[in-house]
C-alpha atoms as a PDB file:
ATOM      1  CA  UNK A   1       0.000   0.000   0.000  1.00  0.00           C
ATOM      2  CA  UNK A   2       1.175   3.509  -0.833  1.00  0.00           C
ATOM      3  CA  UNK A   3       1.069   6.519   1.474  1.00  0.00           C
ATOM      4  CA  UNK A   4      -0.555   9.880   0.692  1.00  0.00           C
ATOM      5  CA  UNK A   5       2.761  11.461  -0.344  1.00  0.00           C
ATOM      6  CA  UNK A   6       3.466   8.568  -2.716  1.00  0.00           C
ATOM      7  CA  UNK A   7       0.345   9.045  -4.840  1.00  0.00           C
ATOM      8  CA  UNK A   8       1.059   9.965  -8.449  1.00  0.00           C
ATOM      9  CA  UNK A   9      -1.123  11.275 -11.320  1.00  0.00           C
ATOM     10  CA  UNK A  10      -3.586   8.739 -12.619  1.00  0.00           C
ATOM     11  CA  UNK A  11      -3.379  10.362 -16.060  1.00  0.00           C
ATOM     12  CA  UNK A  12       0.218   9.138 -16.364  1.00  0.00           C
ATOM     13  CA  UNK A  13      -1.055   5.645 -17.139  1.00  0.00           C
ATOM     14  CA  UNK A  14      -2.470   6.926 -20.415  1.00  0.00           C
ATOM     15  CA  UNK A  15       0.904   8.463 -21.280  1.00  0.00           C
ATOM     16  CA  UNK A  16       2.737   5.240 -20.421  1.00  0.00           C
ATOM     17  CA  UNK A  17       0.513   3.038 -22.574  1.00  0.00           C
ATOM     18  CA  UNK A  18       0.877   5.443 -25.485  1.00  0.00           C
ATOM     19  CA  UNK A  19       4.661   5.811 -25.156  1.00  0.00           C
ATOM     20  CA  UNK A  20       7.078   5.120 -22.286  1.00  0.00           C
ATOM     21  CA  UNK A  21       9.383   7.926 -23.404  1.00  0.00           C
ATOM     22  CA  UNK A  22       6.543  10.451 -23.525  1.00  0.00           C
ATOM     23  CA  UNK A  23       5.554   9.403 -20.008  1.00  0.00           C
ATOM     24  CA  UNK A  24       9.128   9.844 -18.752  1.00  0.00           C
ATOM     25  CA  UNK A  25       9.517  13.228 -20.431  1.00  0.00           C
ATOM     26  CA  UNK A  26       6.355  14.498 -18.745  1.00  0.00           C
ATOM     27  CA  UNK A  27       6.632  12.895 -15.315  1.00  0.00           C
ATOM     28  CA  UNK A  28      10.399  12.561 -14.857  1.00  0.00           C
ATOM     29  CA  UNK A  29      11.818  15.485 -16.824  1.00  0.00           C
ATOM     30  CA  UNK A  30       8.799  17.764 -16.313  1.00  0.00           C
ATOM     31  CA  UNK A  31       8.574  18.555 -20.029  1.00  0.00           C
ATOM     32  CA  UNK A  32       5.241  19.620 -21.484  1.00  0.00           C
ATOM     33  CA  UNK A  33       4.383  21.177 -24.838  1.00  0.00           C
ATOM     34  CA  UNK A  34       0.853  22.045 -25.847  1.00  0.00           C
ATOM     35  CA  UNK A  35      -0.399  21.789 -29.401  1.00  0.00           C
ATOM     36  CA  UNK A  36      -3.842  22.190 -30.935  1.00  0.00           C
ATOM     37  CA  UNK A  37      -4.924  18.701 -29.929  1.00  0.00           C
ATOM     38  CA  UNK A  38      -3.823  18.945 -26.289  1.00  0.00           C
ATOM     39  CA  UNK A  39      -5.361  22.430 -26.050  1.00  0.00           C
ATOM     40  CA  UNK A  40      -8.684  21.173 -27.412  1.00  0.00           C
ATOM     41  CA  UNK A  41      -8.589  18.261 -24.979  1.00  0.00           C
ATOM     42  CA  UNK A  42      -7.788  20.542 -22.044  1.00  0.00           C
ATOM     43  CA  UNK A  43     -10.639  22.904 -22.912  1.00  0.00           C
ATOM     44  CA  UNK A  44     -13.030  19.961 -23.232  1.00  0.00           C
ATOM     45  CA  UNK A  45     -12.080  18.713 -19.761  1.00  0.00           C
ATOM     46  CA  UNK A  46     -12.393  22.214 -18.308  1.00  0.00           C
ATOM     47  CA  UNK A  47     -15.905  22.594 -19.725  1.00  0.00           C
ATOM     48  CA  UNK A  48     -16.933  19.236 -18.294  1.00  0.00           C
ATOM     49  CA  UNK A  49     -15.374  19.977 -14.879  1.00  0.00           C
ATOM     50  CA  UNK A  50     -17.023  23.407 -14.629  1.00  0.00           C
ATOM     51  CA  UNK A  51     -20.527  22.060 -15.282  1.00  0.00           C
ATOM     52  CA  UNK A  52     -22.578  21.467 -12.161  1.00  0.00           C
ATOM     53  CA  UNK A  53     -23.766  18.066 -11.020  1.00  0.00           C
ATOM     54  CA  UNK A  54     -27.216  16.900 -12.034  1.00  0.00           C
ATOM     55  CA  UNK A  55     -30.085  14.921 -10.534  1.00  0.00           C
ATOM     56  CA  UNK A  56     -32.598  13.309 -12.871  1.00  0.00           C
ATOM     57  CA  UNK A  57     -34.858  10.685 -11.356  1.00  0.00           C
ATOM     58  CA  UNK A  58     -32.794   7.537 -10.917  1.00  0.00           C
ATOM     59  CA  UNK A  59     -29.606   9.237 -12.086  1.00  0.00           C
ATOM     60  CA  UNK A  60     -27.125  11.415 -10.194  1.00  0.00           C
ATOM     61  CA  UNK A  61     -24.168  12.977 -12.015  1.00  0.00           C
ATOM     62  CA  UNK A  62     -20.991  14.116 -10.251  1.00  0.00           C
ATOM     63  CA  UNK A  63     -18.393  16.120 -12.230  1.00  0.00           C
ATOM     64  CA  UNK A  64     -14.714  16.598 -11.425  1.00  0.00           C
ATOM     65  CA  UNK A  65     -14.876  13.950  -8.705  1.00  0.00           C
ATOM     66  CA  UNK A  66     -11.510  13.536  -6.871  1.00  0.00           C
ATOM     67  CA  UNK A  67     -10.137   9.990  -6.991  1.00  0.00           C
ATOM     68  CA  UNK A  68      -7.348   8.091  -5.284  1.00  0.00           C
ATOM     69  CA  UNK A  69      -6.110   4.565  -4.740  1.00  0.00           C
ATOM     70  CA  UNK A  70      -3.577   3.698  -2.050  1.00  0.00           C
ATOM     71  CA  UNK A  71      -3.307   0.199  -3.518  1.00  0.00           C
ATOM     72  CA  UNK A  72      -2.223   1.491  -6.935  1.00  0.00           C
ATOM     73  CA  UNK A  73      -0.557   4.686  -5.690  1.00  0.00           C
ATOM     74  CA  UNK A  74      -2.669   6.948  -7.908  1.00  0.00           C
ATOM     75  CA  UNK A  75      -4.645  10.144  -7.557  1.00  0.00           C
ATOM     76  CA  UNK A  76      -6.664  12.150 -10.053  1.00  0.00           C
ATOM     77  CA  UNK A  77     -10.055  13.421 -11.024  1.00  0.00           C
ATOM     78  CA  UNK A  78     -12.919  11.849 -12.970  1.00  0.00           C
ATOM     79  CA  UNK A  79     -14.573  13.918 -15.689  1.00  0.00           C
ATOM     80  CA  UNK A  80     -17.963  12.446 -14.834  1.00  0.00           C
ATOM     81  CA  UNK A  81     -19.194   9.731 -12.511  1.00  0.00           C
ATOM     82  CA  UNK A  82     -22.814   8.770 -12.992  1.00  0.00           C
ATOM     83  CA  UNK A  83     -24.644   7.098 -10.134  1.00  0.00           C
ATOM     84  CA  UNK A  84     -27.545   4.909 -11.298  1.00  0.00           C
ATOM     85  CA  UNK A  85     -30.169   3.830  -8.775  1.00  0.00           C
ATOM     86  CA  UNK A  86     -30.153   0.040  -8.403  1.00  0.00           C
ATOM     87  CA  UNK A  87     -31.986  -2.599  -6.386  1.00  0.00           C
ATOM     88  CA  UNK A  88     -28.707  -4.443  -5.862  1.00  0.00           C
ATOM     89  CA  UNK A  89     -27.627  -4.276  -2.192  1.00  0.00           C
ATOM     90  CA  UNK A  90     -24.052  -4.045  -3.516  1.00  0.00           C
ATOM     91  CA  UNK A  91     -24.757  -0.489  -4.648  1.00  0.00           C
ATOM     92  CA  UNK A  92     -23.423   2.436  -2.629  1.00  0.00           C
ATOM     93  CA  UNK A  93     -25.429   4.898  -0.510  1.00  0.00           C
ATOM     94  CA  UNK A  94     -25.478   8.598  -1.360  1.00  0.00           C
ATOM     95  CA  UNK A  95     -25.812  11.306   1.254  1.00  0.00           C
ATOM     96  CA  UNK A  96     -28.450  13.293  -0.641  1.00  0.00           C
ATOM     97  CA  UNK A  97     -30.632  10.466  -1.993  1.00  0.00           C
ATOM     98  CA  UNK A  98     -32.295   7.332  -0.632  1.00  0.00           C
ATOM     99  CA  UNK A  99     -31.573   3.867  -1.984  1.00  0.00           C
ATOM    100  CA  UNK A 100     -28.461   2.281  -3.454  1.00  0.00           C
ATOM    101  CA  UNK A 101     -26.489   3.568  -6.434  1.00  0.00           C
ATOM    102  CA  UNK A 102     -24.101   2.075  -8.998  1.00  0.00           C
ATOM    103  CA  UNK A 103     -21.066   4.229  -9.943  1.00  0.00           C
ATOM    104  CA  UNK A 104     -20.390   4.541 -13.685  1.00  0.00           C
ATOM    105  CA  UNK A 105     -17.308   6.578 -14.756  1.00  0.00           C
ATOM    106  CA  UNK A 106     -17.374   8.488 -18.046  1.00  0.00           C
ATOM    107  CA  UNK A 107     -14.195  10.005 -19.547  1.00  0.00           C
ATOM    108  CA  UNK A 108     -14.370  12.650 -22.294  1.00  0.00           C
ATOM    109  CA  UNK A 109     -11.891  12.596 -25.193  1.00  0.00           C
ATOM    110  CA  UNK A 110     -11.643  15.130 -28.016  1.00  0.00           C
ATOM    111  CA  UNK A 111     -10.752  12.697 -30.812  1.00  0.00           C
ATOM    112  CA  UNK A 112     -11.862   9.217 -31.763  1.00  0.00           C
ATOM    113  CA  UNK A 113     -11.219   5.644 -30.526  1.00  0.00           C
ATOM    114  CA  UNK A 114      -7.586   4.596 -30.816  1.00  0.00           C
ATOM    115  CA  UNK A 115      -5.797   1.404 -31.778  1.00  0.00           C
ATOM    116  CA  UNK A 116      -3.984   1.248 -28.429  1.00  0.00           C
ATOM    117  CA  UNK A 117      -5.694   0.896 -25.032  1.00  0.00           C
ATOM    118  CA  UNK A 118      -4.454   4.047 -23.313  1.00  0.00           C
ATOM    119  CA  UNK A 119      -7.914   5.565 -22.887  1.00  0.00           C
ATOM    120  CA  UNK A 120      -9.374   2.292 -21.613  1.00  0.00           C
ATOM    121  CA  UNK A 121      -6.579   1.940 -19.052  1.00  0.00           C
ATOM    122  CA  UNK A 122      -7.148   5.490 -17.796  1.00  0.00           C
ATOM    123  CA  UNK A 123     -10.873   4.834 -17.416  1.00  0.00           C
ATOM    124  CA  UNK A 124     -10.294   1.476 -15.719  1.00  0.00           C
ATOM    125  CA  UNK A 125      -7.901   3.133 -13.263  1.00  0.00           C
ATOM    126  CA  UNK A 126     -10.718   5.534 -12.348  1.00  0.00           C
ATOM    127  CA  UNK A 127     -13.005   2.562 -11.758  1.00  0.00           C
ATOM    128  CA  UNK A 128     -10.423   0.854  -9.538  1.00  0.00           C
ATOM    129  CA  UNK A 129     -10.147   4.055  -7.503  1.00  0.00           C
ATOM    130  CA  UNK A 130     -13.928   4.188  -7.114  1.00  0.00           C
ATOM    131  CA  UNK A 131     -14.026   0.555  -6.046  1.00  0.00           C
ATOM    132  CA  UNK A 132     -11.429   1.170  -3.352  1.00  0.00           C
ATOM    133  CA  UNK A 133     -12.964   4.440  -2.160  1.00  0.00           C
ATOM    134  CA  UNK A 134     -16.567   3.237  -2.079  1.00  0.00           C
ATOM    135  CA  UNK A 135     -16.027  -0.465  -1.274  1.00  0.00           C
ATOM    136  CA  UNK A 136     -18.021  -1.597  -4.268  1.00  0.00           C
ATOM    137  CA  UNK A 137     -17.626  -3.142  -7.732  1.00  0.00           C
ATOM    138  CA  UNK A 138     -17.656  -1.080 -10.924  1.00  0.00           C
ATOM    139  CA  UNK A 139     -18.245  -3.450 -13.857  1.00  0.00           C
ATOM    140  CA  UNK A 140     -18.145  -0.932 -16.706  1.00  0.00           C
ATOM    141  CA  UNK A 141     -17.842   2.692 -17.766  1.00  0.00           C
ATOM    142  CA  UNK A 142     -17.772   4.692 -20.991  1.00  0.00           C
ATOM    143  CA  UNK A 143     -15.494   6.829 -23.158  1.00  0.00           C
ATOM    144  CA  UNK A 144     -17.146   9.755 -24.934  1.00  0.00           C
ATOM    145  CA  UNK A 145     -15.302  10.763 -28.115  1.00  0.00           C
ATOM    146  CA  UNK A 146     -15.892  14.272 -29.429  1.00  0.00           C
ATOM    147  CA  UNK A 147     -15.409  13.444 -33.105  1.00  0.00           C
ATOM    148  CA  UNK A 148     -18.034  10.700 -33.022  1.00  0.00           C
ATOM    149  CA  UNK A 149     -20.237  12.375 -30.408  1.00  0.00           C
ATOM    150  CA  UNK A 150     -21.237   9.111 -28.818  1.00  0.00           C
ATOM    151  CA  UNK A 151     -20.162   6.814 -26.037  1.00  0.00           C
ATOM    152  CA  UNK A 152     -18.080   3.694 -26.271  1.00  0.00           C
ATOM    153  CA  UNK A 153     -18.927   1.292 -23.456  1.00  0.00           C
ATOM    154  CA  UNK A 154     -15.856  -0.201 -21.763  1.00  0.00           C
ATOM    155  CA  UNK A 155     -16.320  -3.401 -19.716  1.00  0.00           C
ATOM    156  CA  UNK A 156     -13.754  -3.693 -16.936  1.00  0.00           C
ATOM    157  CA  UNK A 157     -12.917  -7.337 -17.530  1.00  0.00           C
ATOM    158  CA  UNK A 158     -10.041  -9.287 -16.004  1.00  0.00           C
ATOM    159  CA  UNK A 159      -7.678  -8.542 -18.909  1.00  0.00           C
ATOM    160  CA  UNK A 160      -8.195  -4.772 -18.724  1.00  0.00           C
ATOM    161  CA  UNK A 161      -7.926  -4.768 -14.941  1.00  0.00           C
ATOM    162  CA  UNK A 162      -4.640  -6.665 -15.097  1.00  0.00           C
ATOM    163  CA  UNK A 163      -3.287  -4.355 -17.815  1.00  0.00           C
ATOM    164  CA  UNK A 164      -4.210  -1.320 -15.703  1.00  0.00           C
ATOM    165  CA  UNK A 165      -2.628  -2.683 -12.544  1.00  0.00           C
ATOM    166  CA  UNK A 166       0.518  -3.712 -14.441  1.00  0.00           C
ATOM    167  CA  UNK A 167       0.719  -0.243 -16.005  1.00  0.00           C
ATOM    168  CA  UNK A 168       0.463   1.416 -12.572  1.00  0.00           C
ATOM    169  CA  UNK A 169       3.247  -0.828 -11.287  1.00  0.00           C
ATOM    170  CA  UNK A 170       5.451  -0.059 -14.312  1.00  0.00           C
ATOM    171  CA  UNK A 171       4.875   3.669 -13.821  1.00  0.00           C
ATOM    172  CA  UNK A 172       6.068   3.586 -10.223  1.00  0.00           C
ATOM    173  CA  UNK A 173       9.067   1.463 -11.244  1.00  0.00           C
ATOM    174  CA  UNK A 174       9.940   3.997 -13.948  1.00  0.00           C
ATOM    175  CA  UNK A 175       9.782   6.865 -11.442  1.00  0.00           C
ATOM    176  CA  UNK A 176      11.940   4.951  -8.984  1.00  0.00           C
ATOM    177  CA  UNK A 177      14.533   4.146 -11.658  1.00  0.00           C
ATOM    178  CA  UNK A 178      14.622   7.780 -12.832  1.00  0.00           C
ATOM    179  CA  UNK A 179      15.623   6.858 -16.379  1.00  0.00           C
ATOM    180  CA  UNK A 180      14.128   8.207 -19.588  1.00  0.00           C
ATOM    181  CA  UNK A 181      13.925   5.575 -22.345  1.00  0.00           C
ATOM    182  CA  UNK A 182      15.817   6.196 -25.577  1.00  0.00           C
ATOM    183  CA  UNK A 183      13.691   7.656 -28.363  1.00  0.00           C
ATOM    184  CA  UNK A 184      12.575   5.278 -31.103  1.00  0.00           C
ATOM    185  CA  UNK A 185      10.842   6.687 -34.170  1.00  0.00           C
ATOM    186  CA  UNK A 186       7.388   5.162 -34.630  1.00  0.00           C
ATOM    187  CA  UNK A 187       4.380   6.079 -36.787  1.00  0.00           C
ATOM    188  CA  UNK A 188       2.518   7.360 -33.714  1.00  0.00           C
ATOM    189  CA  UNK A 189       5.244   9.983 -33.103  1.00  0.00           C
ATOM    190  CA  UNK A 190       3.489  12.381 -35.465  1.00  0.00           C
ATOM    191  CA  UNK A 191       0.518  12.477 -33.045  1.00  0.00           C
ATOM    192  CA  UNK A 192       2.674  13.493 -30.067  1.00  0.00           C
ATOM    193  CA  UNK A 193       2.855  17.107 -28.875  1.00  0.00           C
ATOM    194  CA  UNK A 194       6.389  16.419 -27.590  1.00  0.00           C
ATOM    195  CA  UNK A 195       7.778  15.449 -30.995  1.00  0.00           C
ATOM    196  CA  UNK A 196       9.984  18.549 -31.315  1.00  0.00           C
ATOM    197  CA  UNK A 197      11.348  18.007 -27.802  1.00  0.00           C
ATOM    198  CA  UNK A 198      11.643  14.224 -27.898  1.00  0.00           C
ATOM    199  CA  UNK A 199      13.551  14.266 -31.228  1.00  0.00           C
ATOM    200  CA  UNK A 200      13.262  10.535 -32.001  1.00  0.00           C
ATOM    201  CA  UNK A 201      15.726  10.924 -34.889  1.00  0.00           C
ATOM    202  CA  UNK A 202      18.426  12.502 -32.708  1.00  0.00           C
ATOM    203  CA  UNK A 203      20.943  10.536 -30.589  1.00  0.00           C
ATOM    204  CA  UNK A 204      19.817  11.967 -27.226  1.00  0.00           C
ATOM    205  CA  UNK A 205      18.222   9.871 -24.508  1.00  0.00           C
ATOM    206  CA  UNK A 206      17.237  12.908 -22.434  1.00  0.00           C
ATOM    207  CA  UNK A 207      15.342  15.915 -23.728  1.00  0.00           C
ATOM    208  CA  UNK A 208      16.584  17.873 -20.722  1.00  0.00           C
ATOM    209  CA  UNK A 209      20.224  17.103 -21.518  1.00  0.00           C
ATOM    210  CA  UNK A 210      19.676  17.948 -25.175  1.00  0.00           C
ATOM    211  CA  UNK A 211      18.172  21.325 -24.306  1.00  0.00           C
ATOM    212  CA  UNK A 212      20.998  21.931 -21.832  1.00  0.00           C
ATOM    213  CA  UNK A 213      23.524  21.233 -24.602  1.00  0.00           C
ATOM    214  CA  UNK A 214      21.788  23.740 -26.860  1.00  0.00           C
ATOM    215  CA  UNK A 215      21.814  26.418 -24.154  1.00  0.00           C
ATOM    216  CA  UNK A 216      25.465  25.778 -23.400  1.00  0.00           C
ATOM    217  CA  UNK A 217      26.308  26.030 -27.070  1.00  0.00           C
ATOM    218  CA  UNK A 218      24.427  29.318 -27.383  1.00  0.00           C
ATOM    219  CA  UNK A 219      26.152  30.791 -24.323  1.00  0.00           C
ATOM    220  CA  UNK A 220      29.672  29.696 -25.276  1.00  0.00           C
ATOM    221  CA  UNK A 221      31.963  32.548 -26.425  1.00  0.00           C
ATOM    222  CA  UNK A 222      32.586  32.608 -30.128  1.00  0.00           C
ATOM    223  CA  UNK A 223      35.874  33.295 -31.835  1.00  0.00           C
ATOM    224  CA  UNK A 224      36.287  35.087 -35.152  1.00  0.00           C
ATOM    225  CA  UNK A 225      35.482  32.783 -37.988  1.00  0.00           C
ATOM    226  CA  UNK A 226      32.932  30.726 -36.032  1.00  0.00           C
ATOM    227  CA  UNK A 227      29.686  30.213 -37.978  1.00  0.00           C
END
């Protein structure tokens, strides 16, 4: 079990599934570059978080719900958690409504479904946090993609749960090791906002060291005849 000070961003699991180097650049080297896609995604999340919760009959909607798991060592925030009234005694009680309620996390994404499972892992991690916090079971959730404007239901089966737990473990191991993986050019690199910092075609394992080299070169005194 992790302690409060050991909790790390849940969103990092999405970065790690997409690319280990991207994850290390963001969470080890503290490098972040925003492009149009990350800006659109950030604005989408801000709009969702700023909306108020809703109550509609057998549905309660919580937005920007804080999450944490001491078992996985993660903390974060859910875009939306729906609570559906159920007859199942395994549901959770709510302070402002009678009966039992089933949590159902919904994560908003600006684009469309991807070939990798990064979004599913992020959503499953939210579900695992809810299970730990509320002492319940969360069997499924949904990803809402802006380009398609509809939900994709995500069952939290054994395979996805194991992948999510393994990804959380790998993330903590990466932080403990403190090493940024060497860049390897892949087709997905063109989708990454860190492409110009990562430089997968350059022989530098660390973006920080590469930038430091550039700064040192710029500050070095020049002699006549230098280009």
